[in-house]
Amino acid sequence: MAASNAPVLSLVPSLVLGPGQPFEFTNTVLGIVAGPLEFSLGSGAPYGASINPTNGVFHWTPACHQGNSTNSITVRVAEIAAASLLKLTWSLRLGRMCFAPTQAPSPLKSPMDAERART
């Protein structure tokens, strides 16, 4: 049996992120492609997620209120010249802790500050 050269989307690694932690992934189409591709997100993509329609780069920085959830993400790829459509659905798990970069603790300035911080 001959191997298929039909285009397929590469698999997305399983990940667990924290809210506030940016995630970027380049979707890759493997196999023989007849022409330009157009990437889009399927319905139900999480709020704030985006994909570049020409290069397939997915980007999302989940908000703190989106934590402790599992998000199903569908990437759609239209192969324009062949009038075909590829789809791949994957899950991205979010933990509870928020990694908002603007919430860094202020530095302690004296031993008294350290003592107050413990109580």
PDB file of N, CA and C in Angstrom:
ATOM      1  N   MET A   1       0.840  -1.172   0.000  1.00  0.00           N
ATOM      2  CA  MET A   1       0.000   0.000   0.000  1.00  0.00           C
ATOM      3  C   MET A   1       0.894   1.246   0.000  1.00  0.00           C
ATOM      4  N   ALA A   2       0.611   2.202  -0.851  1.00  0.00           N
ATOM      5  CA  ALA A   2       1.410   3.423  -0.964  1.00  0.00           C
ATOM      6  C   ALA A   2       1.083   4.381   0.168  1.00  0.00           C
ATOM      7  N   ALA A   3       2.087   5.132   0.590  1.00  0.00           N
ATOM      8  CA  ALA A   3       1.885   6.131   1.645  1.00  0.00           C
ATOM      9  C   ALA A   3       1.106   7.309   1.073  1.00  0.00           C
ATOM     10  N   SER A   4       0.229   7.871   1.904  1.00  0.00           N
ATOM     11  CA  SER A   4      -0.572   9.017   1.485  1.00  0.00           C
ATOM     12  C   SER A   4       0.240  10.299   1.633  1.00  0.00           C
ATOM     13  N   ASN A   5       0.145  11.154   0.621  1.00  0.00           N
ATOM     14  CA  ASN A   5       0.786  12.466   0.698  1.00  0.00           C
ATOM     15  C   ASN A   5      -0.243  13.569   0.910  1.00  0.00           C
ATOM     16  N   ALA A   6      -1.479  13.184   1.274  1.00  0.00           N
ATOM     17  CA  ALA A   6      -2.528  14.176   1.513  1.00  0.00           C
ATOM     18  C   ALA A   6      -2.114  15.062   2.680  1.00  0.00           C
ATOM     19  N   PRO A   7      -2.405  16.349   2.596  1.00  0.00           N
ATOM     20  CA  PRO A   7      -2.007  17.253   3.685  1.00  0.00           C
ATOM     21  C   PRO A   7      -2.721  16.927   4.996  1.00  0.00           C
ATOM     22  N   VAL A   8      -1.984  17.059   6.093  1.00  0.00           N
ATOM     23  CA  VAL A   8      -2.532  16.884   7.436  1.00  0.00           C
ATOM     24  C   VAL A   8      -1.923  17.953   8.339  1.00  0.00           C
ATOM     25  N   LEU A   9      -2.655  18.315   9.371  1.00  0.00           N
ATOM     26  CA  LEU A   9      -2.120  19.247  10.370  1.00  0.00           C
ATOM     27  C   LEU A   9      -1.254  18.492  11.358  1.00  0.00           C
ATOM     28  N   SER A  10      -0.125  19.069  11.741  1.00  0.00           N
ATOM     29  CA  SER A  10       0.729  18.447  12.747  1.00  0.00           C
ATOM     30  C   SER A  10       0.037  18.492  14.105  1.00  0.00           C
ATOM     31  N   LEU A  11       0.378  17.548  14.962  1.00  0.00           N
ATOM     32  CA  LEU A  11      -0.233  17.481  16.286  1.00  0.00           C
ATOM     33  C   LEU A  11       0.293  18.582  17.190  1.00  0.00           C
ATOM     34  N   VAL A  12      -0.543  19.006  18.108  1.00  0.00           N
ATOM     35  CA  VAL A  12      -0.187  20.041  19.078  1.00  0.00           C
ATOM     36  C   VAL A  12       0.218  19.335  20.371  1.00  0.00           C
ATOM     37  N   PRO A  13       1.298  19.748  21.000  1.00  0.00           N
ATOM     38  CA  PRO A  13       1.721  19.081  22.240  1.00  0.00           C
ATOM     39  C   PRO A  13       0.702  19.294  23.364  1.00  0.00           C
ATOM     40  N   SER A  14       0.574  18.312  24.239  1.00  0.00           N
ATOM     41  CA  SER A  14      -0.294  18.446  25.412  1.00  0.00           C
ATOM     42  C   SER A  14       0.393  19.370  26.401  1.00  0.00           C
ATOM     43  N   LEU A  15      -0.332  20.363  26.871  1.00  0.00           N
ATOM     44  CA  LEU A  15       0.244  21.351  27.775  1.00  0.00           C
ATOM     45  C   LEU A  15      -0.710  21.710  28.893  1.00  0.00           C
ATOM     46  N   VAL A  16      -0.146  22.145  29.996  1.00  0.00           N
ATOM     47  CA  VAL A  16      -0.913  22.765  31.070  1.00  0.00           C
ATOM     48  C   VAL A  16      -0.293  24.138  31.273  1.00  0.00           C
ATOM     49  N   LEU A  17      -1.115  25.177  31.136  1.00  0.00           N
ATOM     50  CA  LEU A  17      -0.648  26.557  31.298  1.00  0.00           C
ATOM     51  C   LEU A  17      -1.267  27.170  32.538  1.00  0.00           C
ATOM     52  N   GLY A  18      -0.703  28.284  32.941  1.00  0.00           N
ATOM     53  CA  GLY A  18      -1.302  29.082  33.990  1.00  0.00           C
ATOM     54  C   GLY A  18      -1.913  30.330  33.374  1.00  0.00           C
ATOM     55  N   PRO A  19      -3.051  30.792  33.886  1.00  0.00           N
ATOM     56  CA  PRO A  19      -3.617  32.039  33.386  1.00  0.00           C
ATOM     57  C   PRO A  19      -2.597  33.161  33.476  1.00  0.00           C
ATOM     58  N   GLY A  20      -2.582  34.025  32.487  1.00  0.00           N
ATOM     59  CA  GLY A  20      -1.616  35.108  32.419  1.00  0.00           C
ATOM     60  C   GLY A  20      -0.325  34.700  31.740  1.00  0.00           C
ATOM     61  N   GLN A  21      -0.179  33.410  31.429  1.00  0.00           N
ATOM     62  CA  GLN A  21       1.027  32.888  30.792  1.00  0.00           C
ATOM     63  C   GLN A  21       0.786  32.811  29.281  1.00  0.00           C
ATOM     64  N   PRO A  22       1.522  33.574  28.466  1.00  0.00           N
ATOM     65  CA  PRO A  22       1.288  33.562  27.026  1.00  0.00           C
ATOM     66  C   PRO A  22       1.656  32.219  26.403  1.00  0.00           C
ATOM     67  N   PHE A  23       0.894  31.820  25.412  1.00  0.00           N
ATOM     68  CA  PHE A  23       1.145  30.581  24.678  1.00  0.00           C
ATOM     69  C   PHE A  23       1.110  30.890  23.189  1.00  0.00           C
ATOM     70  N   GLU A  24       2.128  30.436  22.478  1.00  0.00           N
ATOM     71  CA  GLU A  24       2.187  30.621  21.028  1.00  0.00           C
ATOM     72  C   GLU A  24       2.628  29.307  20.403  1.00  0.00           C
ATOM     73  N   PHE A  25       1.974  28.935  19.325  1.00  0.00           N
ATOM     74  CA  PHE A  25       2.274  27.676  18.645  1.00  0.00           C
ATOM     75  C   PHE A  25       2.050  27.861  17.156  1.00  0.00           C
ATOM     76  N   THR A  26       2.987  27.373  16.343  1.00  0.00           N
ATOM     77  CA  THR A  26       2.824  27.458  14.892  1.00  0.00           C
ATOM     78  C   THR A  26       2.225  26.164  14.375  1.00  0.00           C
ATOM     79  N   ASN A  27       1.024  26.254  13.812  1.00  0.00           N
ATOM     80  CA  ASN A  27       0.380  25.106  13.186  1.00  0.00           C
ATOM     81  C   ASN A  27       1.084  24.822  11.870  1.00  0.00           C
ATOM     82  N   THR A  28       1.389  23.565  11.641  1.00  0.00           N
ATOM     83  CA  THR A  28       2.136  23.172  10.458  1.00  0.00           C
ATOM     84  C   THR A  28       1.330  22.157   9.662  1.00  0.00           C
ATOM     85  N   VAL A  29       1.275  22.351   8.358  1.00  0.00           N
ATOM     86  CA  VAL A  29       0.615  21.392   7.473  1.00  0.00           C
ATOM     87  C   VAL A  29       1.700  20.535   6.843  1.00  0.00           C
ATOM     88  N   LEU A  30       1.544  19.226   6.989  1.00  0.00           N
ATOM     89  CA  LEU A  30       2.497  18.266   6.437  1.00  0.00           C
ATOM     90  C   LEU A  30       1.889  17.598   5.211  1.00  0.00           C
ATOM     91  N   GLY A  31       2.695  17.243   4.237  1.00  0.00           N
ATOM     92  CA  GLY A  31       2.212  16.575   3.029  1.00  0.00           C
ATOM     93  C   GLY A  31       2.250  17.526   1.846  1.00  0.00           C
ATOM     94  N   ILE A  32       1.688  17.074   0.732  1.00  0.00           N
ATOM     95  CA  ILE A  32       1.685  17.873  -0.494  1.00  0.00           C
ATOM     96  C   ILE A  32       0.514  18.852  -0.453  1.00  0.00           C
ATOM     97  N   VAL A  33       0.826  20.127  -0.617  1.00  0.00           N
ATOM     98  CA  VAL A  33      -0.178  21.194  -0.584  1.00  0.00           C
ATOM     99  C   VAL A  33      -0.292  21.785  -1.980  1.00  0.00           C
ATOM    100  N   ALA A  34      -1.529  21.962  -2.455  1.00  0.00           N
ATOM    101  CA  ALA A  34      -1.763  22.433  -3.826  1.00  0.00           C
ATOM    102  C   ALA A  34      -1.601  23.932  -3.998  1.00  0.00           C
ATOM    103  N   GLY A  35      -1.573  24.677  -2.933  1.00  0.00           N
ATOM    104  CA  GLY A  35      -1.457  26.128  -3.073  1.00  0.00           C
ATOM    105  C   GLY A  35      -1.547  26.805  -1.729  1.00  0.00           C
ATOM    106  N   PRO A  36      -1.909  28.089  -1.722  1.00  0.00           N
ATOM    107  CA  PRO A  36      -1.964  28.852  -0.467  1.00  0.00           C
ATOM    108  C   PRO A  36      -2.957  28.244   0.535  1.00  0.00           C
ATOM    109  N   LEU A  37      -2.631  28.437   1.807  1.00  0.00           N
ATOM    110  CA  LEU A  37      -3.476  27.956   2.897  1.00  0.00           C
ATOM    111  C   LEU A  37      -4.050  29.142   3.652  1.00  0.00           C
ATOM    112  N   GLU A  38      -5.228  28.948   4.208  1.00  0.00           N
ATOM    113  CA  GLU A  38      -5.840  29.972   5.054  1.00  0.00           C
ATOM    114  C   GLU A  38      -6.264  29.328   6.371  1.00  0.00           C
ATOM    115  N   PHE A  39      -5.674  29.821   7.480  1.00  0.00           N
ATOM    116  CA  PHE A  39      -5.932  29.273   8.810  1.00  0.00           C
ATOM    117  C   PHE A  39      -7.020  30.080   9.511  1.00  0.00           C
ATOM    118  N   SER A  40      -7.847  29.386  10.296  1.00  0.00           N
ATOM    119  CA  SER A  40      -8.853  30.059  11.118  1.00  0.00           C
ATOM    120  C   SER A  40      -9.152  29.182  12.331  1.00  0.00           C
ATOM    121  N   LEU A  41      -9.778  29.784  13.342  1.00  0.00           N
ATOM    122  CA  LEU A  41     -10.196  29.040  14.527  1.00  0.00           C
ATOM    123  C   LEU A  41     -11.645  28.618  14.357  1.00  0.00           C
ATOM    124  N   GLY A  42     -11.957  27.407  14.791  1.00  0.00           N
ATOM    125  CA  GLY A  42     -13.328  26.930  14.756  1.00  0.00           C
ATOM    126  C   GLY A  42     -14.154  27.581  15.848  1.00  0.00           C
ATOM    127  N   SER A  43     -15.446  27.337  15.830  1.00  0.00           N
ATOM    128  CA  SER A  43     -16.331  27.921  16.835  1.00  0.00           C
ATOM    129  C   SER A  43     -15.981  27.377  18.214  1.00  0.00           C
ATOM    130  N   GLY A  44     -16.203  28.182  19.228  1.00  0.00           N
ATOM    131  CA  GLY A  44     -15.926  27.782  20.599  1.00  0.00           C
ATOM    132  C   GLY A  44     -14.509  28.039  21.061  1.00  0.00           C
ATOM    133  N   ALA A  45     -13.705  28.711  20.244  1.00  0.00           N
ATOM    134  CA  ALA A  45     -12.337  29.044  20.674  1.00  0.00           C
ATOM    135  C   ALA A  45     -12.414  29.955  21.895  1.00  0.00           C
ATOM    136  N   PRO A  46     -11.464  29.837  22.813  1.00  0.00           N
ATOM    137  CA  PRO A  46     -11.511  30.661  24.019  1.00  0.00           C
ATOM    138  C   PRO A  46     -11.367  32.153  23.713  1.00  0.00           C
ATOM    139  N   TYR A  47     -11.998  32.967  24.545  1.00  0.00           N
ATOM    140  CA  TYR A  47     -11.947  34.421  24.393  1.00  0.00           C
ATOM    141  C   TYR A  47     -10.490  34.878  24.418  1.00  0.00           C
ATOM    142  N   GLY A  48     -10.116  35.710  23.460  1.00  0.00           N
ATOM    143  CA  GLY A  48      -8.774  36.273  23.397  1.00  0.00           C
ATOM    144  C   GLY A  48      -7.812  35.469  22.537  1.00  0.00           C
ATOM    145  N   ALA A  49      -8.193  34.252  22.129  1.00  0.00           N
ATOM    146  CA  ALA A  49      -7.314  33.437  21.284  1.00  0.00           C
ATOM    147  C   ALA A  49      -7.369  33.957  19.851  1.00  0.00           C
ATOM    148  N   SER A  50      -6.238  33.858  19.147  1.00  0.00           N
ATOM    149  CA  SER A  50      -6.214  34.301  17.748  1.00  0.00           C
ATOM    150  C   SER A  50      -5.284  33.401  16.950  1.00  0.00           C
ATOM    151  N   ILE A  51      -5.464  33.444  15.631  1.00  0.00           N
ATOM    152  CA  ILE A  51      -4.583  32.696  14.740  1.00  0.00           C
ATOM    153  C   ILE A  51      -4.296  33.571  13.528  1.00  0.00           C
ATOM    154  N   ASN A  52      -3.050  33.575  13.091  1.00  0.00           N
ATOM    155  CA  ASN A  52      -2.688  34.335  11.905  1.00  0.00           C
ATOM    156  C   ASN A  52      -3.197  33.559  10.696  1.00  0.00           C
ATOM    157  N   PRO A  53      -4.014  34.177   9.838  1.00  0.00           N
ATOM    158  CA  PRO A  53      -4.620  33.440   8.730  1.00  0.00           C
ATOM    159  C   PRO A  53      -3.644  32.968   7.662  1.00  0.00           C
ATOM    160  N   THR A  54      -2.465  33.560   7.587  1.00  0.00           N
ATOM    161  CA  THR A  54      -1.536  33.159   6.526  1.00  0.00           C
ATOM    162  C   THR A  54      -0.419  32.222   6.988  1.00  0.00           C
ATOM    163  N   ASN A  55       0.030  32.338   8.256  1.00  0.00           N
ATOM    164  CA  ASN A  55       1.131  31.468   8.687  1.00  0.00           C
ATOM    165  C   ASN A  55       0.748  30.474   9.773  1.00  0.00           C
ATOM    166  N   GLY A  56      -0.487  30.526  10.277  1.00  0.00           N
ATOM    167  CA  GLY A  56      -0.967  29.535  11.238  1.00  0.00           C
ATOM    168  C   GLY A  56      -0.481  29.691  12.656  1.00  0.00           C
ATOM    169  N   VAL A  57       0.109  30.828  12.998  1.00  0.00           N
ATOM    170  CA  VAL A  57       0.582  31.024  14.374  1.00  0.00           C
ATOM    171  C   VAL A  57      -0.624  31.302  15.277  1.00  0.00           C
ATOM    172  N   PHE A  58      -0.797  30.421  16.271  1.00  0.00           N
ATOM    173  CA  PHE A  58      -1.859  30.551  17.266  1.00  0.00           C
ATOM    174  C   PHE A  58      -1.283  31.285  18.465  1.00  0.00           C
ATOM    175  N   HIS A  59      -2.036  32.236  19.021  1.00  0.00           N
ATOM    176  CA  HIS A  59      -1.582  32.990  20.182  1.00  0.00           C
ATOM    177  C   HIS A  59      -2.741  33.148  21.158  1.00  0.00           C
ATOM    178  N   TRP A  60      -2.415  32.964  22.448  1.00  0.00           N
ATOM    179  CA  TRP A  60      -3.418  33.177  23.490  1.00  0.00           C
ATOM    180  C   TRP A  60      -2.715  33.425  24.809  1.00  0.00           C
ATOM    181  N   THR A  61      -3.121  34.481  25.485  1.00  0.00           N
ATOM    182  CA  THR A  61      -2.725  34.720  26.865  1.00  0.00           C
ATOM    183  C   THR A  61      -4.006  34.686  27.683  1.00  0.00           C
ATOM    184  N   PRO A  62      -4.290  33.562  28.322  1.00  0.00           N
ATOM    185  CA  PRO A  62      -5.543  33.446  29.072  1.00  0.00           C
ATOM    186  C   PRO A  62      -5.610  34.432  30.228  1.00  0.00           C
ATOM    187  N   ALA A  63      -6.788  34.966  30.451  1.00  0.00           N
ATOM    188  CA  ALA A  63      -7.009  35.873  31.582  1.00  0.00           C
ATOM    189  C   ALA A  63      -7.120  35.062  32.873  1.00  0.00           C
ATOM    190  N   CYS A  64      -6.906  35.723  34.002  1.00  0.00           N
ATOM    191  CA  CYS A  64      -6.958  35.042  35.301  1.00  0.00           C
ATOM    192  C   CYS A  64      -8.304  34.355  35.531  1.00  0.00           C
ATOM    193  N   HIS A  65      -9.399  34.973  35.098  1.00  0.00           N
ATOM    194  CA  HIS A  65     -10.719  34.372  35.328  1.00  0.00           C
ATOM    195  C   HIS A  65     -10.965  33.132  34.462  1.00  0.00           C
ATOM    196  N   GLN A  66     -10.084  32.848  33.502  1.00  0.00           N
ATOM    197  CA  GLN A  66     -10.233  31.667  32.659  1.00  0.00           C
ATOM    198  C   GLN A  66      -9.504  30.456  33.236  1.00  0.00           C
ATOM    199  N   GLY A  67      -8.892  30.613  34.403  1.00  0.00           N
ATOM    200  CA  GLY A  67      -8.122  29.539  35.010  1.00  0.00           C
ATOM    201  C   GLY A  67      -8.974  28.365  35.441  1.00  0.00           C
ATOM    202  N   ASN A  68      -8.299  27.257  35.755  1.00  0.00           N
ATOM    203  CA  ASN A  68      -8.923  26.027  36.201  1.00  0.00           C
ATOM    204  C   ASN A  68      -9.969  25.530  35.201  1.00  0.00           C
ATOM    205  N   SER A  69      -9.564  25.431  33.939  1.00  0.00           N
ATOM    206  CA  SER A  69     -10.488  24.994  32.890  1.00  0.00           C
ATOM    207  C   SER A  69      -9.737  24.212  31.818  1.00  0.00           C
ATOM    208  N   THR A  70     -10.478  23.477  31.027  1.00  0.00           N
ATOM    209  CA  THR A  70      -9.939  22.805  29.856  1.00  0.00           C
ATOM    210  C   THR A  70     -10.614  23.418  28.645  1.00  0.00           C
ATOM    211  N   ASN A  71      -9.834  23.865  27.687  1.00  0.00           N
ATOM    212  CA  ASN A  71     -10.348  24.578  26.525  1.00  0.00           C
ATOM    213  C   ASN A  71     -10.123  23.759  25.269  1.00  0.00           C
ATOM    214  N   SER A  72     -11.206  23.539  24.524  1.00  0.00           N
ATOM    215  CA  SER A  72     -11.133  22.804  23.273  1.00  0.00           C
ATOM    216  C   SER A  72     -10.933  23.811  22.142  1.00  0.00           C
ATOM    217  N   ILE A  73      -9.888  23.600  21.349  1.00  0.00           N
ATOM    218  CA  ILE A  73      -9.522  24.545  20.292  1.00  0.00           C
ATOM    219  C   ILE A  73      -9.493  23.795  18.968  1.00  0.00           C
ATOM    220  N   THR A  74     -10.252  24.290  17.994  1.00  0.00           N
ATOM    221  CA  THR A  74     -10.259  23.689  16.667  1.00  0.00           C
ATOM    222  C   THR A  74      -9.576  24.633  15.694  1.00  0.00           C
ATOM    223  N   VAL A  75      -8.573  24.114  15.009  1.00  0.00           N
ATOM    224  CA  VAL A  75      -7.885  24.875  13.963  1.00  0.00           C
ATOM    225  C   VAL A  75      -8.395  24.351  12.627  1.00  0.00           C
ATOM    226  N   ARG A  76      -8.811  25.270  11.778  1.00  0.00           N
ATOM    227  CA  ARG A  76      -9.290  24.938  10.433  1.00  0.00           C
ATOM    228  C   ARG A  76      -8.298  25.488   9.419  1.00  0.00           C
ATOM    229  N   VAL A  77      -7.995  24.684   8.411  1.00  0.00           N
ATOM    230  CA  VAL A  77      -7.089  25.116   7.363  1.00  0.00           C
ATOM    231  C   VAL A  77      -7.759  24.864   6.020  1.00  0.00           C
ATOM    232  N   ALA A  78      -7.981  25.936   5.284  1.00  0.00           N
ATOM    233  CA  ALA A  78      -8.554  25.816   3.946  1.00  0.00           C
ATOM    234  C   ALA A  78      -7.412  25.806   2.944  1.00  0.00           C
ATOM    235  N   GLU A  79      -7.385  24.764   2.130  1.00  0.00           N
ATOM    236  CA  GLU A  79      -6.420  24.689   1.043  1.00  0.00           C
ATOM    237  C   GLU A  79      -7.129  25.280  -0.168  1.00  0.00           C
ATOM    238  N   ILE A  80      -6.849  26.534  -0.456  1.00  0.00           N
ATOM    239  CA  ILE A  80      -7.643  27.331  -1.388  1.00  0.00           C
ATOM    240  C   ILE A  80      -7.685  26.722  -2.784  1.00  0.00           C
ATOM    241  N   ALA A  81      -6.558  26.345  -3.350  1.00  0.00           N
ATOM    242  CA  ALA A  81      -6.522  25.833  -4.725  1.00  0.00           C
ATOM    243  C   ALA A  81      -7.257  24.503  -4.871  1.00  0.00           C
ATOM    244  N   ALA A  82      -7.255  23.683  -3.837  1.00  0.00           N
ATOM    245  CA  ALA A  82      -7.885  22.366  -3.917  1.00  0.00           C
ATOM    246  C   ALA A  82      -9.294  22.367  -3.342  1.00  0.00           C
ATOM    247  N   ALA A  83      -9.749  23.495  -2.837  1.00  0.00           N
ATOM    248  CA  ALA A  83     -11.075  23.619  -2.222  1.00  0.00           C
ATOM    249  C   ALA A  83     -11.283  22.536  -1.162  1.00  0.00           C
ATOM    250  N   SER A  84     -10.249  22.282  -0.342  1.00  0.00           N
ATOM    251  CA  SER A  84     -10.368  21.289   0.718  1.00  0.00           C
ATOM    252  C   SER A  84     -10.186  21.955   2.076  1.00  0.00           C
ATOM    253  N   LEU A  85     -10.633  21.257   3.101  1.00  0.00           N
ATOM    254  CA  LEU A  85     -10.577  21.804   4.452  1.00  0.00           C
ATOM    255  C   LEU A  85     -10.012  20.755   5.397  1.00  0.00           C
ATOM    256  N   LEU A  86      -9.015  21.146   6.181  1.00  0.00           N
ATOM    257  CA  LEU A  86      -8.447  20.289   7.220  1.00  0.00           C
ATOM    258  C   LEU A  86      -8.888  20.844   8.569  1.00  0.00           C
ATOM    259  N   LYS A  87      -9.112  19.951   9.538  1.00  0.00           N
ATOM    260  CA  LYS A  87      -9.461  20.393  10.887  1.00  0.00           C
ATOM    261  C   LYS A  87      -8.727  19.535  11.899  1.00  0.00           C
ATOM    262  N   LEU A  88      -8.296  20.167  12.975  1.00  0.00           N
ATOM    263  CA  LEU A  88      -7.685  19.452  14.089  1.00  0.00           C
ATOM    264  C   LEU A  88      -8.183  20.115  15.369  1.00  0.00           C
ATOM    265  N   THR A  89      -8.739  19.307  16.284  1.00  0.00           N
ATOM    266  CA  THR A  89      -9.205  19.822  17.569  1.00  0.00           C
ATOM    267  C   THR A  89      -8.297  19.285  18.654  1.00  0.00           C
ATOM    268  N   TRP A  90      -7.872  20.160  19.550  1.00  0.00           N
ATOM    269  CA  TRP A  90      -6.995  19.787  20.649  1.00  0.00           C
ATOM    270  C   TRP A  90      -7.421  20.520  21.903  1.00  0.00           C
ATOM    271  N   SER A  91      -6.931  20.070  23.039  1.00  0.00           N
ATOM    272  CA  SER A  91      -7.301  20.670  24.325  1.00  0.00           C
ATOM    273  C   SER A  91      -6.101  21.321  24.980  1.00  0.00           C
ATOM    274  N   LEU A  92      -6.374  22.402  25.668  1.00  0.00           N
ATOM    275  CA  LEU A  92      -5.353  23.128  26.415  1.00  0.00           C
ATOM    276  C   LEU A  92      -5.880  23.316  27.825  1.00  0.00           C
ATOM    277  N   ARG A  93      -5.197  22.755  28.795  1.00  0.00           N
ATOM    278  CA  ARG A  93      -5.624  22.796  30.194  1.00  0.00           C
ATOM    279  C   ARG A  93      -4.996  23.996  30.881  1.00  0.00           C
ATOM    280  N   LEU A  94      -5.811  24.712  31.652  1.00  0.00           N
ATOM    281  CA  LEU A  94      -5.318  25.855  32.437  1.00  0.00           C
ATOM    282  C   LEU A  94      -5.363  25.512  33.912  1.00  0.00           C
ATOM    283  N   GLY A  95      -4.281  25.825  34.605  1.00  0.00           N
ATOM    284  CA  GLY A  95      -4.235  25.651  36.048  1.00  0.00           C
ATOM    285  C   GLY A  95      -4.933  26.816  36.741  1.00  0.00           C
ATOM    286  N   ARG A  96      -4.813  26.864  38.048  1.00  0.00           N
ATOM    287  CA  ARG A  96      -5.494  27.897  38.834  1.00  0.00           C
ATOM    288  C   ARG A  96      -4.662  29.149  39.052  1.00  0.00           C
ATOM    289  N   MET A  97      -3.358  28.985  39.224  1.00  0.00           N
ATOM    290  CA  MET A  97      -2.521  30.120  39.593  1.00  0.00           C
ATOM    291  C   MET A  97      -2.393  31.109  38.443  1.00  0.00           C
ATOM    292  N   CYS A  98      -2.540  32.376  38.743  1.00  0.00           N
ATOM    293  CA  CYS A  98      -2.446  33.415  37.724  1.00  0.00           C
ATOM    294  C   CYS A  98      -1.024  33.967  37.671  1.00  0.00           C
ATOM    295  N   PHE A  99      -0.485  34.060  36.470  1.00  0.00           N
ATOM    296  CA  PHE A  99       0.865  34.564  36.273  1.00  0.00           C
ATOM    297  C   PHE A  99       0.839  35.954  35.656  1.00  0.00           C
ATOM    298  N   ALA A 100       0.023  36.831  36.189  1.00  0.00           N
ATOM    299  CA  ALA A 100      -0.056  38.185  35.649  1.00  0.00           C
ATOM    300  C   ALA A 100       1.258  38.906  35.915  1.00  0.00           C
ATOM    301  N   PRO A 101       1.961  39.342  34.885  1.00  0.00           N
ATOM    302  CA  PRO A 101       3.288  39.934  35.077  1.00  0.00           C
ATOM    303  C   PRO A 101       3.269  41.246  35.837  1.00  0.00           C
ATOM    304  N   THR A 102       2.135  41.923  35.909  1.00  0.00           N
ATOM    305  CA  THR A 102       2.080  43.211  36.606  1.00  0.00           C
ATOM    306  C   THR A 102       1.879  43.048  38.114  1.00  0.00           C
ATOM    307  N   GLN A 103       1.759  41.815  38.591  1.00  0.00           N
ATOM    308  CA  GLN A 103       1.494  41.593  40.002  1.00  0.00           C
ATOM    309  C   GLN A 103       2.723  41.084  40.751  1.00  0.00           C
ATOM    310  N   ALA A 104       3.895  41.510  40.338  1.00  0.00           N
ATOM    311  CA  ALA A 104       5.123  41.085  41.012  1.00  0.00           C
ATOM    312  C   ALA A 104       5.166  41.690  42.408  1.00  0.00           C
ATOM    313  N   PRO A 105       5.593  40.918  43.410  1.00  0.00           N
ATOM    314  CA  PRO A 105       5.661  41.464  44.758  1.00  0.00           C
ATOM    315  C   PRO A 105       6.721  42.556  44.856  1.00  0.00           C
ATOM    316  N   SER A 106       6.463  43.530  45.707  1.00  0.00           N
ATOM    317  CA  SER A 106       7.450  44.591  45.896  1.00  0.00           C
ATOM    318  C   SER A 106       8.595  44.054  46.748  1.00  0.00           C
ATOM    319  N   PRO A 107       9.813  44.520  46.512  1.00  0.00           N
ATOM    320  CA  PRO A 107      10.967  44.011  47.267  1.00  0.00           C
ATOM    321  C   PRO A 107      10.896  44.455  48.730  1.00  0.00           C
ATOM    322  N   LEU A 108      11.395  43.580  49.598  1.00  0.00           N
ATOM    323  CA  LEU A 108      11.470  43.915  51.021  1.00  0.00           C
ATOM    324  C   LEU A 108      12.696  44.782  51.242  1.00  0.00           C
ATOM    325  N   LYS A 109      12.548  45.808  52.105  1.00  0.00           N
ATOM    326  CA  LYS A 109      13.625  46.773  52.273  1.00  0.00           C
ATOM    327  C   LYS A 109      14.375  46.635  53.586  1.00  0.00           C
ATOM    328  N   SER A 110      13.801  45.974  54.574  1.00  0.00           N
ATOM    329  CA  SER A 110      14.479  45.877  55.863  1.00  0.00           C
ATOM    330  C   SER A 110      14.066  44.579  56.556  1.00  0.00           C
ATOM    331  N   PRO A 111      14.784  44.175  57.612  1.00  0.00           N
ATOM    332  CA  PRO A 111      14.370  42.991  58.378  1.00  0.00           C
ATOM    333  C   PRO A 111      12.968  43.155  58.962  1.00  0.00           C
ATOM    334  N   MET A 112      12.567  44.400  59.297  1.00  0.00           N
ATOM    335  CA  MET A 112      11.220  44.637  59.822  1.00  0.00           C
ATOM    336  C   MET A 112      10.169  44.350  58.747  1.00  0.00           C
ATOM    337  N   ASP A 113      10.463  44.698  57.495  1.00  0.00           N
ATOM    338  CA  ASP A 113       9.544  44.388  56.414  1.00  0.00           C
ATOM    339  C   ASP A 113       9.358  42.875  56.280  1.00  0.00           C
ATOM    340  N   ALA A 114      10.445  42.126  56.394  1.00  0.00           N
ATOM    341  CA  ALA A 114      10.376  40.669  56.302  1.00  0.00           C
ATOM    342  C   ALA A 114       9.521  40.103  57.431  1.00  0.00           C
ATOM    343  N   GLU A 115       9.701  40.636  58.646  1.00  0.00           N
ATOM    344  CA  GLU A 115       8.905  40.181  59.774  1.00  0.00           C
ATOM    345  C   GLU A 115       7.424  40.488  59.577  1.00  0.00           C
ATOM    346  N   ARG A 116       7.101  41.684  59.098  1.00  0.00           N
ATOM    347  CA  ARG A 116       5.700  42.047  58.834  1.00  0.00           C
ATOM    348  C   ARG A 116       5.089  41.167  57.747  1.00  0.00           C
ATOM    349  N   ALA A 117       5.879  40.802  56.745  1.00  0.00           N
ATOM    350  CA  ALA A 117       5.370  39.981  55.653  1.00  0.00           C
ATOM    351  C   ALA A 117       5.008  38.581  56.132  1.00  0.00           C
ATOM    352  N   ARG A 118       5.682  38.074  57.167  1.00  0.00           N
ATOM    353  CA  ARG A 118       5.398  36.742  57.685  1.00  0.00           C
ATOM    354  C   ARG A 118       4.139  36.699  58.509  1.00  0.00           C
ATOM    355  N   THR A 119       3.713  37.819  59.069  1.00  0.00           N
ATOM    356  CA  THR A 119       2.549  37.813  59.957  1.00  0.00           C
ATOM    357  C   THR A 119       1.284  38.194  59.247  1.00  0.00           C
TER     358      THR A 119
END
